[in-house]
Each structure stands twice: as C-alpha cells, then as structure tokens.
Amino acid sequence: MILAATQFAPVAGDVDANVRTIADLVRAAGAEGARVVVFAELCLTGYEPSLIRDAPALVLTEDDPRLDPVREACRAVGAAAVVNGPVRTAGSGGEGGPGGSGAGITTLVIGPDGSLLARYDKRHLYGVEAEVFEPGGVDGRFALDGVRFALATCYDNRFPELAERAAADGCAAYLASSVLGADNDSFEKVYPVRARDFGLYVVLGNVLGPNEDGTGTGGAGAWGPDGERIADAGSEEPGFVLAEVG
C-alpha cells in the first residue's frame, strides 16, 4: 500500500482555505497511487490553540459540512485522508474542557467513500493545549485493505507505550500528525526509534511556516521498521512524499 505524508503552511483560523489545500493534496496524492494521505496536527485551523479558544466557530463537528471538499476528494481518487483539527467532543455542548472549547485535538479519518472511518482525540496534551482542549482516553485505530493503522498526535509520540500497544494490536503503520520545528529532536530520537523498537512503519505529517508554537520546518515523510528514513519531503516546499508500506 502507498501512503502520502504531507506538509503545507495552514492559514491561521481559515478552515475553508485549509480544507481547499487539503482536498487538493488528497487529489494529487491519490492520482499518484496513494491510498492513505496523512496531514499535520491542527491542519484544519493551523496550530493556534489560543485563537481556537477565543473563536468557538473554529471548532468542527465530525459531520461538519466544511469538510465536504475533503470527502469529495477522497471519493474522487479512492483515498483515505487523515486530517486533524479542533472537533467537538461528545456531549460537550461547547462548554467542556478548562478552556471551554468543548473540543479535542482530533484526527478524523475520512475513508475512500467519504465516510468517517475513525476518530482519535490526542491523549497527551502539551503546554497551553491543556487549557483549551480535552484529552482523549482511547487509542486510535482503523483498517483499510487488510492493513491495520494506529493514530497518534505530536506529543503523544513521546510516550512509547502508544507505539507498543499499536504493535501488539497488529498495526503495521503508525500515523503521526505533528507540528515540529527545526530544533525538535523527534526526527532523530522519537520517530525512527518508535519504528525500530516496535517494527512499525511510521508516517509523519508536518507543517511549514509560522504558528503559535514557532515555525514548522517540514520533513514530512516515513521511516521503515528498521528505523531508516524511506521518504522525506524536505524542509521548504509544500506538497507530499510517497512511501510504500508492507
């Protein structure tokens, strides 16, 4: 199976603009054979926790019509999209969490037919995130074409037990939606280590450009089960890189 790891510079607070970019990348990657397309943490809004806290309209729902262009792109090319944003938590009524957003930092997996394959709420919140979002309590999983996938989001990846459980659960690929800058040691000390220690393909979606955490510097791509890089999108250009899993 071919997966695509993406990177682009989200427009802060502009869901519609980011959805257009995401849909275009799904179509382009799908046209090159990608069956799963992986995006960065909070790609739908930009990594802007404070802005999300102060602008409730940025919080989406699982069936949000603003995601229709992504659903249409998935159907058009027969690919699944792994997208991440602030998504309303069940029963929150918009009032949950210390920050009142009633949202998780949520990965939605939109399937090749446009339906929702999985939802995963980031379990380990970092810094200001804990003031704005609600942590998840269960691991993220989905299967496609007989391949089992695990989901994790940025700071989650610092906790090796997530990858350990993924391997024990029969997952072949571990999909990491993240926001990383050039000074982040995850490229050397986290992602390749998770791959090597647990025999997983690790696929990273990252960002470019300024955000509330600093400046994203790309490097989206993948590591094989031996911990070696098998795909790297580089540090400058938006787009995607392909990796074969299995």
Protein backbone atom coordinates (compact mmCIF):
# COMPACT_ATOMS: atom_id res chain seq x y z
CA MET A 1 0.00 0.00 0.00
CA ILE A 2 1.22 3.51 -0.83
CA LEU A 3 0.85 6.27 1.76
CA ALA A 4 1.41 10.01 1.32
CA ALA A 5 2.93 12.22 4.02
CA THR A 6 2.03 15.88 3.51
CA GLN A 7 3.24 19.30 4.56
CA PHE A 8 1.89 22.79 3.95
CA ALA A 9 1.54 26.12 5.76
CA PRO A 10 -2.03 26.36 7.12
CA VAL A 11 -3.74 29.74 7.13
CA ALA A 12 -4.38 30.61 10.77
CA GLY A 13 -8.09 30.40 11.53
CA ASP A 14 -9.20 29.92 7.91
CA VAL A 15 -10.83 26.49 7.80
CA ASP A 16 -12.15 26.92 4.27
CA ALA A 17 -8.75 27.82 2.83
CA ASN A 18 -7.07 24.94 4.62
CA VAL A 19 -9.76 22.49 3.51
CA ARG A 20 -9.16 23.53 -0.11
CA THR A 21 -5.44 22.86 0.27
CA ILE A 22 -6.08 19.52 1.95
CA ALA A 23 -8.54 18.46 -0.75
CA ASP A 24 -6.06 19.42 -3.48
CA LEU A 25 -3.31 17.39 -1.82
CA VAL A 26 -5.61 14.37 -1.47
CA ARG A 27 -6.44 14.55 -5.17
CA ALA A 28 -2.80 14.96 -6.19
CA ALA A 29 -1.50 12.19 -3.94
CA GLY A 30 -4.35 9.88 -4.89
CA ALA A 31 -3.58 10.43 -8.56
CA GLU A 32 -0.08 9.09 -7.86
CA GLY A 33 -1.43 5.98 -6.18
CA ALA A 34 -1.68 6.98 -2.51
CA ARG A 35 -4.35 5.06 -0.64
CA VAL A 36 -3.90 6.99 2.65
CA VAL A 37 -2.89 10.67 2.89
CA VAL A 38 -1.57 11.90 6.26
CA PHE A 39 -1.78 15.52 7.41
CA ALA A 40 -0.32 17.55 10.28
CA GLU A 41 -1.73 18.32 13.71
CA LEU A 42 -4.45 21.03 13.57
CA CYS A 43 -4.02 21.32 9.81
CA LEU A 44 -7.66 22.42 9.54
CA THR A 45 -7.12 25.63 11.54
CA GLY A 46 -3.39 25.99 11.89
CA TYR A 47 -1.66 25.25 15.18
CA GLU A 48 -3.26 28.16 17.02
CA PRO A 49 -4.64 26.96 20.40
CA SER A 50 -5.23 30.48 21.74
CA LEU A 51 -7.09 31.51 18.61
CA ILE A 52 -9.24 28.38 18.78
CA ARG A 53 -10.00 29.09 22.44
CA ASP A 54 -11.20 32.60 21.55
CA ALA A 55 -13.06 31.69 18.33
CA PRO A 56 -15.58 28.90 19.01
CA ALA A 57 -16.66 28.89 15.35
CA LEU A 58 -13.35 27.23 14.51
CA VAL A 59 -14.42 24.06 16.31
CA LEU A 60 -15.80 21.49 13.88
CA THR A 61 -18.11 18.51 14.20
CA GLU A 62 -17.48 15.03 12.86
CA ASP A 63 -20.01 15.58 10.07
CA ASP A 64 -19.13 19.24 9.52
CA PRO A 65 -20.15 20.41 6.03
CA ARG A 66 -16.94 22.44 5.83
CA LEU A 67 -15.17 19.12 5.29
CA ASP A 68 -17.25 18.24 2.21
CA PRO A 69 -14.45 19.15 -0.24
CA VAL A 70 -12.17 16.63 1.50
CA ARG A 71 -14.87 13.96 1.37
CA GLU A 72 -15.38 14.65 -2.32
CA ALA A 73 -11.64 14.43 -2.98
CA CYS A 74 -11.41 11.11 -1.15
CA ARG A 75 -14.24 9.70 -3.25
CA ALA A 76 -12.75 11.06 -6.47
CA VAL A 77 -9.40 9.29 -6.07
CA GLY A 78 -10.31 6.40 -3.75
CA ALA A 79 -8.03 7.53 -0.94
CA ALA A 80 -8.44 8.00 2.81
CA ALA A 81 -7.48 11.32 4.40
CA VAL A 82 -6.09 11.56 7.93
CA VAL A 83 -6.94 15.14 8.92
CA ASN A 84 -6.64 16.86 12.29
CA GLY A 85 -8.40 19.82 13.88
CA PRO A 86 -10.44 21.01 16.84
CA VAL A 87 -13.52 18.77 16.86
CA ARG A 88 -16.44 18.91 19.26
CA THR A 89 -16.32 16.23 21.94
CA ALA A 90 -19.35 14.05 22.61
CA GLY A 91 -21.83 15.64 24.99
CA SER A 92 -19.73 18.76 25.49
CA GLY A 93 -22.38 21.18 24.25
CA GLY A 94 -19.50 23.51 23.55
CA GLU A 95 -18.73 24.05 27.23
CA GLY A 96 -16.30 21.24 28.04
CA GLY A 97 -12.66 21.49 28.98
CA PRO A 98 -10.82 24.05 31.09
CA GLY A 99 -10.76 26.45 28.16
CA GLY A 100 -14.42 25.99 27.35
CA SER A 101 -13.86 24.92 23.73
CA GLY A 102 -15.53 21.56 24.24
CA ALA A 103 -13.12 20.12 21.69
CA GLY A 104 -10.34 17.64 21.33
CA ILE A 105 -7.27 17.86 19.14
CA THR A 106 -8.89 15.33 16.90
CA THR A 107 -7.86 13.19 13.98
CA LEU A 108 -10.69 12.30 11.63
CA VAL A 109 -10.01 9.54 9.12
CA ILE A 110 -12.22 10.14 6.09
CA GLY A 111 -12.44 6.97 4.06
CA PRO A 112 -12.22 6.42 0.29
CA ASP A 113 -16.02 6.56 0.12
CA GLY A 114 -16.19 9.81 2.10
CA SER A 115 -17.44 8.19 5.29
CA LEU A 116 -15.82 8.52 8.71
CA LEU A 117 -13.53 5.54 9.31
CA ALA A 118 -12.16 6.61 12.70
CA ARG A 119 -11.85 9.38 15.24
CA TYR A 120 -8.89 9.81 17.57
CA ASP A 121 -8.57 12.52 20.24
CA LYS A 122 -5.00 13.35 21.26
CA ARG A 123 -4.32 11.67 24.60
CA HIS A 124 -1.30 13.66 25.80
CA LEU A 125 -1.80 17.43 25.68
CA TYR A 126 1.20 19.75 25.70
CA GLY A 127 1.51 23.16 27.36
CA VAL A 128 -1.31 25.56 26.51
CA GLU A 129 -3.24 22.74 24.83
CA ALA A 130 -4.37 21.52 28.25
CA GLU A 131 -6.03 24.90 28.89
CA VAL A 132 -8.02 24.75 25.66
CA PHE A 133 -8.73 21.13 24.76
CA GLU A 134 -9.98 17.92 26.34
CA PRO A 135 -7.65 14.89 26.27
CA GLY A 136 -8.75 11.66 24.66
CA GLY A 137 -8.94 8.40 26.55
CA VAL A 138 -8.67 5.65 23.93
CA ASP A 139 -6.19 4.65 21.23
CA GLY A 140 -6.91 5.37 17.58
CA ARG A 141 -7.23 2.53 15.10
CA PHE A 142 -8.58 1.83 11.63
CA ALA A 143 -8.10 -0.77 8.93
CA LEU A 144 -8.05 -0.44 5.16
CA ASP A 145 -7.35 -3.11 2.53
CA GLY A 146 -6.34 -5.52 5.28
CA VAL A 147 -3.74 -3.17 6.75
CA ARG A 148 -4.20 -2.02 10.34
CA PHE A 149 -3.23 1.55 11.28
CA ALA A 150 -2.58 3.36 14.57
CA LEU A 151 -3.08 7.09 15.09
CA ALA A 152 -1.02 9.42 17.30
CA THR A 153 -0.62 13.19 17.51
CA CYS A 154 2.65 15.08 18.10
CA TYR A 155 3.37 14.97 21.88
CA ASP A 156 1.68 11.55 22.02
CA ASN A 157 4.74 10.19 20.25
CA ARG A 158 6.95 10.94 23.26
CA PHE A 159 5.16 8.08 25.04
CA PRO A 160 6.46 4.77 23.67
CA GLU A 161 3.59 2.79 25.15
CA LEU A 162 1.31 4.08 22.36
CA ALA A 163 3.52 2.51 19.71
CA GLU A 164 3.99 -0.60 21.85
CA ARG A 165 0.21 -1.09 22.05
CA ALA A 166 -0.09 -0.45 18.31
CA ALA A 167 2.38 -3.23 17.54
CA ALA A 168 0.70 -5.59 20.00
CA ASP A 169 -2.63 -4.80 18.34
CA GLY A 170 -1.39 -5.92 14.92
CA CYS A 171 -0.86 -2.48 13.40
CA ALA A 172 1.61 -2.24 10.53
CA ALA A 173 1.69 1.55 10.26
CA TYR A 174 1.73 4.30 12.88
CA LEU A 175 0.45 7.63 11.57
CA ALA A 176 1.82 10.69 13.38
CA SER A 177 0.14 14.06 12.78
CA SER A 178 2.53 16.64 14.24
CA VAL A 179 3.77 20.23 14.39
CA LEU A 180 7.58 20.23 14.54
CA GLY A 181 10.23 22.91 14.16
CA ALA A 182 13.88 22.58 13.20
CA ASP A 183 15.04 22.37 16.82
CA ASN A 184 12.75 19.45 17.66
CA ASP A 185 14.70 16.26 18.30
CA SER A 186 11.78 14.00 17.36
CA PHE A 187 13.23 13.48 13.88
CA GLU A 188 16.20 11.67 15.43
CA LYS A 189 15.05 10.50 18.87
CA VAL A 190 11.35 9.69 18.52
CA TYR A 191 10.02 8.66 15.12
CA PRO A 192 12.87 6.38 13.98
CA VAL A 193 13.08 4.89 17.47
CA ARG A 194 9.37 4.05 17.56
CA ALA A 195 9.71 2.42 14.14
CA ARG A 196 12.77 0.37 15.06
CA ASP A 197 11.74 -0.60 18.59
CA PHE A 198 8.29 -1.85 17.59
CA GLY A 199 8.74 -2.92 13.96
CA LEU A 200 6.34 -0.31 12.59
CA TYR A 201 6.21 1.92 9.58
CA VAL A 202 5.97 5.46 10.97
CA VAL A 203 4.43 8.12 8.72
CA LEU A 204 4.71 11.79 9.70
CA GLY A 205 2.54 14.67 8.51
CA ASN A 206 4.06 18.05 9.47
CA VAL A 207 3.65 21.78 8.81
CA LEU A 208 5.55 24.60 7.22
CA GLY A 209 5.58 28.22 8.31
CA PRO A 210 4.83 30.21 11.47
CA ASN A 211 2.36 29.03 14.10
CA GLU A 212 1.72 29.54 17.79
CA ASP A 213 4.45 27.04 18.68
CA GLY A 214 7.13 28.55 16.42
CA THR A 215 7.93 27.73 12.81
CA GLY A 216 7.20 24.41 11.15
CA THR A 217 10.04 23.12 9.03
CA GLY A 218 8.52 20.24 7.10
CA GLY A 219 10.41 16.98 6.96
CA ALA A 220 7.17 15.06 6.45
CA GLY A 221 7.82 11.51 5.42
CA ALA A 222 8.27 7.98 6.70
CA TRP A 223 10.56 5.55 8.48
CA GLY A 224 10.69 1.82 7.85
CA PRO A 225 10.52 -0.87 10.55
CA ASP A 226 14.33 -0.79 10.79
CA GLY A 227 14.21 2.89 11.76
CA GLU A 228 15.68 4.15 8.48
CA ARG A 229 14.14 7.05 6.57
CA ILE A 230 12.30 5.83 3.49
CA ALA A 231 10.68 9.15 2.47
CA ASP A 232 11.46 12.82 3.17
CA ALA A 233 9.55 15.81 1.76
CA GLY A 234 12.36 18.23 2.59
CA SER A 235 12.24 21.44 4.58
CA GLU A 236 10.96 24.05 2.14
CA GLU A 237 8.31 23.08 -0.38
CA PRO A 238 4.67 22.29 0.35
CA GLY A 239 3.36 19.04 -1.02
CA PHE A 240 3.71 15.36 -0.26
CA VAL A 241 6.04 12.41 -0.48
CA LEU A 242 5.06 8.78 -1.05
CA ALA A 243 6.06 5.73 0.96
CA GLU A 244 5.22 2.07 0.41
CA VAL A 245 4.04 0.16 3.46
CA GLY A 246 4.33 -3.60 3.59
